[in-house]
C-alpha atoms as a PDB file:
ATOM      1  CA  MET A   1      76.604 140.974  21.570  1.00  0.00           C
ATOM      2  CA  THR A   2      77.103 144.198  19.393  1.00  0.00           C
ATOM      3  CA  TYR A   3      79.984 144.186  16.510  1.00  0.00           C
ATOM      4  CA  GLU A   4      82.139 146.315  19.055  1.00  0.00           C
ATOM      5  CA  GLU A   5      81.616 143.615  21.821  1.00  0.00           C
ATOM      6  CA  GLY A   6      82.505 140.761  19.574  1.00  0.00           C
ATOM      7  CA  ALA A   7      85.540 142.376  18.118  1.00  0.00           C
ATOM      8  CA  GLN A   8      86.980 142.791  21.888  1.00  0.00           C
ATOM      9  CA  TYR A   9      85.736 139.288  23.154  1.00  0.00           C
ATOM     10  CA  MET A  10      87.893 137.819  20.154  1.00  0.00           C
ATOM     11  CA  ILE A  11      90.753 140.067  20.694  1.00  0.00           C
ATOM     12  CA  ASP A  12      90.596 138.963  24.383  1.00  0.00           C
ATOM     13  CA  ARG A  13      90.473 135.054  23.741  1.00  0.00           C
ATOM     14  CA  CYS A  14      93.654 135.584  21.247  1.00  0.00           C
ATOM     15  CA  LYS A  15      95.561 137.254  23.948  1.00  0.00           C
ATOM     16  CA  ALA A  16      94.472 134.603  26.385  1.00  0.00           C
ATOM     17  CA  LEU A  17      95.408 132.005  24.163  1.00  0.00           C
ATOM     18  CA  LYS A  18      98.909 133.425  23.266  1.00  0.00           C
ATOM     19  CA  GLU A  19      99.312 134.009  27.265  1.00  0.00           C
ATOM     20  CA  SER A  20      98.676 130.163  27.709  1.00  0.00           C
ATOM     21  CA  ARG A  21     100.928 129.239  25.079  1.00  0.00           C
ATOM     22  CA  ALA A  22      98.610 127.162  23.430  1.00  0.00           C
ATOM     23  CA  LEU A  23      98.503 126.981  19.903  1.00  0.00           C
ATOM     24  CA  VAL A  24      94.902 126.868  18.770  1.00  0.00           C
ATOM     25  CA  ASP A  25      91.619 126.669  20.260  1.00  0.00           C
ATOM     26  CA  SER A  26      88.068 126.921  19.124  1.00  0.00           C
ATOM     27  CA  PHE A  27      84.309 126.961  20.116  1.00  0.00           C
ATOM     28  CA  GLU A  28      80.997 126.337  18.554  1.00  0.00           C
ATOM     29  CA  VAL A  29      78.091 128.551  18.103  1.00  0.00           C
ATOM     30  CA  GLY A  30      75.219 126.157  16.666  1.00  0.00           C
ATOM     31  CA  ASN A  31      76.699 124.596  13.727  1.00  0.00           C
ATOM     32  CA  LEU A  32      79.542 127.133  13.226  1.00  0.00           C
ATOM     33  CA  ARG A  33      83.004 126.495  14.556  1.00  0.00           C
ATOM     34  CA  ILE A  34      85.431 129.315  15.344  1.00  0.00           C
ATOM     35  CA  THR A  35      88.761 128.589  15.241  1.00  0.00           C
ATOM     36  CA  TYR A  36      91.410 131.170  16.491  1.00  0.00           C
ATOM     37  CA  PRO A  37      94.171 132.402  16.349  1.00  0.00           C
ATOM     38  CA  GLY A  38      93.590 133.508  12.456  1.00  0.00           C
ATOM     39  CA  LYS A  39      96.101 134.290  10.079  1.00  0.00           C
ATOM     40  CA  LYS A  40      95.693 138.002  10.060  1.00  0.00           C
ATOM     41  CA  VAL A  41      95.637 140.183  13.111  1.00  0.00           C
ATOM     42  CA  PRO A  42      94.863 139.594  16.869  1.00  0.00           C
ATOM     43  CA  GLY A  43      91.416 138.695  17.123  1.00  0.00           C
ATOM     44  CA  ASP A  44      91.057 137.045  13.546  1.00  0.00           C
ATOM     45  CA  TYR A  45      89.593 133.485  13.335  1.00  0.00           C
ATOM     46  CA  ARG A  46      88.473 130.787  11.057  1.00  0.00           C
ATOM     47  CA  LEU A  47      84.815 130.299  10.637  1.00  0.00           C
ATOM     48  CA  SER A  48      83.562 127.120   9.098  1.00  0.00           C
ATOM     49  CA  VAL A  49      80.511 124.546   9.277  1.00  0.00           C
ATOM     50  CA  ASN A  50      81.667 120.930   9.341  1.00  0.00           C
ATOM     51  CA  ASP A  51      85.022 121.724   8.757  1.00  0.00           C
ATOM     52  CA  ARG A  52      84.474 123.870   5.780  1.00  0.00           C
ATOM     53  CA  VAL A  53      85.089 127.450   5.602  1.00  0.00           C
ATOM     54  CA  ILE A  54      82.167 129.633   4.624  1.00  0.00           C
ATOM     55  CA  ARG A  55      82.578 132.125   1.967  1.00  0.00           C
ATOM     56  CA  HIS A  56      81.009 135.386   1.423  1.00  0.00           C
ATOM     57  CA  ASP A  57      79.614 134.480  -1.726  1.00  0.00           C
ATOM     58  CA  GLU A  58      77.740 131.558  -0.316  1.00  0.00           C
ATOM     59  CA  VAL A  59      75.951 133.544   1.978  1.00  0.00           C
ATOM     60  CA  VAL A  60      74.957 135.816  -0.936  1.00  0.00           C
ATOM     61  CA  GLN A  61      73.871 132.975  -2.936  1.00  0.00           C
ATOM     62  CA  SER A  62      71.649 131.744   0.237  1.00  0.00           C
ATOM     63  CA  LEU A  63      70.311 135.277   0.608  1.00  0.00           C
ATOM     64  CA  TYR A  64      69.352 135.322  -3.118  1.00  0.00           C
ATOM     65  CA  LYS A  65      67.462 131.954  -2.981  1.00  0.00           C
ATOM     66  CA  LYS A  66      65.597 132.715   0.348  1.00  0.00           C
ATOM     67  CA  THR A  67      64.336 136.146  -1.072  1.00  0.00           C
ATOM     68  CA  THR A  68      61.151 136.786  -2.849  1.00  0.00           C
ATOM     69  CA  ALA A  69      59.274 139.633  -4.030  1.00  0.00           C
ATOM     70  CA  ALA A  70      57.232 139.201  -0.889  1.00  0.00           C
ATOM     71  CA  ASN A  71      59.878 139.050   1.675  1.00  0.00           C
ATOM     72  CA  ALA A  72      62.533 141.311   0.073  1.00  0.00           C
ATOM     73  CA  ASN A  73      61.859 144.505   2.186  1.00  0.00           C
ATOM     74  CA  GLU A  74      61.724 142.416   5.690  1.00  0.00           C
ATOM     75  CA  LEU A  75      64.925 140.736   4.609  1.00  0.00           C
ATOM     76  CA  ILE A  76      66.726 144.130   3.942  1.00  0.00           C
ATOM     77  CA  ASP A  77      65.264 145.321   7.295  1.00  0.00           C
ATOM     78  CA  ALA A  78      66.547 142.165   9.098  1.00  0.00           C
ATOM     79  CA  LEU A  79      69.824 142.878   7.627  1.00  0.00           C
ATOM     80  CA  GLU A  80      70.118 146.601   8.573  1.00  0.00           C
ATOM     81  CA  ASP A  81      68.894 145.737  12.174  1.00  0.00           C
ATOM     82  CA  LEU A  82      71.725 142.880  12.353  1.00  0.00           C
ATOM     83  CA  TYR A  83      74.302 145.718  10.919  1.00  0.00           C
ATOM     84  CA  VAL A  84      73.359 148.038  13.662  1.00  0.00           C
ATOM     85  CA  HIS A  85      72.998 145.525  16.611  1.00  0.00           C
ATOM     86  CA  GLY A  86      74.737 142.842  15.907  1.00  0.00           C
ATOM     87  CA  LEU A  87      73.414 139.592  17.827  1.00  0.00           C
ATOM     88  CA  ARG A  88      71.211 141.920  19.651  1.00  0.00           C
ATOM     89  CA  SER A  89      69.115 142.247  16.675  1.00  0.00           C
ATOM     90  CA  GLU A  90      65.536 141.115  17.435  1.00  0.00           C
ATOM     91  CA  ASN A  91      64.116 141.315  13.932  1.00  0.00           C
ATOM     92  CA  PRO A  92      62.620 138.024  13.423  1.00  0.00           C
ATOM     93  CA  CYS A  93      63.136 137.758   9.427  1.00  0.00           C
ATOM     94  CA  LEU A  94      66.382 135.957   9.531  1.00  0.00           C
ATOM     95  CA  PRO A  95      66.183 132.776  11.643  1.00  0.00           C
ATOM     96  CA  GLN A  96      68.686 132.493  14.467  1.00  0.00           C
ATOM     97  CA  PRO A  97      71.460 130.192  12.444  1.00  0.00           C
ATOM     98  CA  VAL A  98      71.297 132.446   9.687  1.00  0.00           C
ATOM     99  CA  LYS A  99      71.676 135.689  11.677  1.00  0.00           C
ATOM    100  CA  ALA A 100      74.933 134.186  13.558  1.00  0.00           C
ATOM    101  CA  LEU A 101      76.194 133.031  10.326  1.00  0.00           C
ATOM    102  CA  ILE A 102      76.084 136.678   8.861  1.00  0.00           C
ATOM    103  CA  TYR A 103      77.269 138.133  12.394  1.00  0.00           C
ATOM    104  CA  TRP A 104      80.153 135.691  12.591  1.00  0.00           C
ATOM    105  CA  ILE A 105      81.322 136.103   9.076  1.00  0.00           C
ATOM    106  CA  THR A 106      81.123 139.670   9.032  1.00  0.00           C
ATOM    107  CA  LEU A 107      82.546 140.121  12.403  1.00  0.00           C
ATOM    108  CA  GLN A 108      85.633 138.948  11.031  1.00  0.00           C
ATOM    109  CA  GLU A 109      85.866 142.041   8.665  1.00  0.00           C
ATOM    110  CA  ASP A 110      85.452 144.533  11.405  1.00  0.00           C
ATOM    111  CA  ILE A 111      88.477 142.742  13.251  1.00  0.00           C
ATOM    112  CA  ASN A 112      90.639 142.355   9.942  1.00  0.00           C
ATOM    113  CA  TYR A 113      89.848 145.592   8.472  1.00  0.00           C
ATOM    114  CA  PRO A 114      88.529 147.835  11.184  1.00  0.00           C
ATOM    115  CA  PRO A 115      86.475 151.390  10.229  1.00  0.00           C
ATOM    116  CA  ALA A 116      88.301 153.161  12.994  1.00  0.00           C
ATOM    117  CA  SER A 117      91.134 152.624  10.913  1.00  0.00           C
ATOM    118  CA  GLY A 118      89.765 153.804   7.767  1.00  0.00           C
ATOM    119  CA  TYR A 119      88.619 150.477   6.457  1.00  0.00           C
ATOM    120  CA  TYR A 120      84.688 149.220   5.471  1.00  0.00           C
ATOM    121  CA  GLY A 121      84.964 146.378   7.725  1.00  0.00           C
ATOM    122  CA  LYS A 122      81.406 144.289   7.648  1.00  0.00           C
ATOM    123  CA  LYS A 123      79.980 147.465   5.631  1.00  0.00           C
ATOM    124  CA  LEU A 124      81.215 145.839   2.118  1.00  0.00           C
ATOM    125  CA  SER A 125      79.881 142.187   3.200  1.00  0.00           C
ATOM    126  CA  PHE A 126      76.337 143.872   3.941  1.00  0.00           C
ATOM    127  CA  GLN A 127      76.553 145.725   0.649  1.00  0.00           C
ATOM    128  CA  ARG A 128      76.705 142.472  -1.301  1.00  0.00           C
ATOM    129  CA  PHE A 129      74.354 140.757   0.652  1.00  0.00           C
ATOM    130  CA  TYR A 130      71.841 143.511  -0.069  1.00  0.00           C
ATOM    131  CA  GLU A 131      72.600 143.684  -3.755  1.00  0.00           C
ATOM    132  CA  ALA A 132      71.792 139.814  -3.754  1.00  0.00           C
ATOM    133  CA  ILE A 133      68.332 140.711  -2.521  1.00  0.00           C
ATOM    134  CA  LEU A 134      68.047 143.475  -5.439  1.00  0.00           C
ATOM    135  CA  ALA A 135      69.397 140.728  -7.871  1.00  0.00           C
ATOM    136  CA  LYS A 136      66.408 138.568  -7.085  1.00  0.00           C
ATOM    137  CA  LEU A 137      64.486 141.627  -7.528  1.00  0.00           C
ATOM    138  CA  GLY A 138      65.760 142.066 -11.016  1.00  0.00           C
ATOM    139  CA  PHE A 139      67.970 144.899 -10.611  1.00  0.00           C
ATOM    140  CA  LEU A 140      71.115 143.070 -11.699  1.00  0.00           C
ATOM    141  CA  PRO A 141      72.084 139.310 -12.316  1.00  0.00           C
ATOM    142  CA  ILE A 142      73.271 137.760  -9.308  1.00  0.00           C
ATOM    143  CA  GLU A 143      76.521 136.612 -11.152  1.00  0.00           C
ATOM    144  CA  GLU A 144      77.455 140.173 -11.123  1.00  0.00           C
ATOM    145  CA  VAL A 145      76.650 140.369  -7.498  1.00  0.00           C
ATOM    146  CA  VAL A 146      79.232 137.114  -6.918  1.00  0.00           C
ATOM    147  CA  THR A 147      81.750 138.849  -9.239  1.00  0.00           C
ATOM    148  CA  ARG A 148      81.307 141.762  -7.125  1.00  0.00           C
ATOM    149  CA  THR A 149      81.710 139.812  -3.773  1.00  0.00           C
ATOM    150  CA  ASN A 150      84.669 137.909  -4.966  1.00  0.00           C
ATOM    151  CA  LYS A 151      86.412 141.418  -6.028  1.00  0.00           C
ATOM    152  CA  HIS A 152      89.752 141.562  -3.875  1.00  0.00           C
ATOM    153  CA  GLY A 153      92.111 144.475  -3.986  1.00  0.00           C
ATOM    154  CA  GLY A 154      91.853 147.633  -5.554  1.00  0.00           C
ATOM    155  CA  PRO A 155      88.889 149.901  -4.604  1.00  0.00           C
ATOM    156  CA  PRO A 156      85.247 148.515  -3.828  1.00  0.00           C
ATOM    157  CA  PRO A 157      82.797 148.432  -6.338  1.00  0.00           C
ATOM    158  CA  PRO A 158      80.430 151.520  -6.942  1.00  0.00           C
ATOM    159  CA  LEU A 159      77.351 151.167  -5.116  1.00  0.00           C
ATOM    160  CA  LEU A 160      74.426 150.837  -7.303  1.00  0.00           C
ATOM    161  CA  ARG A 161      72.032 153.740  -7.787  1.00  0.00           C
ATOM    162  CA  ILE A 162      68.569 152.613  -8.084  1.00  0.00           C
ATOM    163  CA  ALA A 163      66.028 155.572  -8.196  1.00  0.00           C
ATOM    164  CA  ASP A 164      63.122 155.422  -6.044  1.00  0.00           C
ATOM    165  CA  ARG A 165      64.319 152.945  -3.443  1.00  0.00           C
ATOM    166  CA  LYS A 166      65.482 153.283  -0.034  1.00  0.00           C
ATOM    167  CA  HIS A 167      69.006 152.031   0.684  1.00  0.00           C
ATOM    168  CA  PRO A 168      69.979 150.639   4.150  1.00  0.00           C
ATOM    169  CA  VAL A 169      72.392 152.674   6.475  1.00  0.00           C
ATOM    170  CA  PHE A 170      75.254 150.478   5.037  1.00  0.00           C
ATOM    171  CA  TYR A 171      74.562 151.189   1.364  1.00  0.00           C
ATOM    172  CA  GLU A 172      75.896 154.713   1.329  1.00  0.00           C
END
């Protein structure tokens, strides 16, 4: 499922729920529970594991822990592939549960803050995920990435400009 397909899927599910006059519904994807409707816009949902909402900074910390000097470029390529292709990504570097978690947590951003309306959508999340890898490589402290991740309101943090380093498509 691409991001466009996923957004339409969730919008359609929320519309069907409203038409059925039910208040809430959910489904599971692996260990993820997706409960809808959410609070923001049609298609929004709550993402949880064991009834605990997953935060973007937790994904940042997890990627930081999984990164090594040996796998950093592969992880960056995997993030870029996921960003472009959604769940149709075939890059084996990210295990399916991690791929699903990143997809569903970032799909929410595309629904709530659609790029077609001038917002960043999933792009901001992927930028912070990339910076978690850069932090592991020593370009900035992980605490700074967490702070940048949790910055809400106002303009997004400026992108890091690292000489001689190719950035993924979402980091432009």
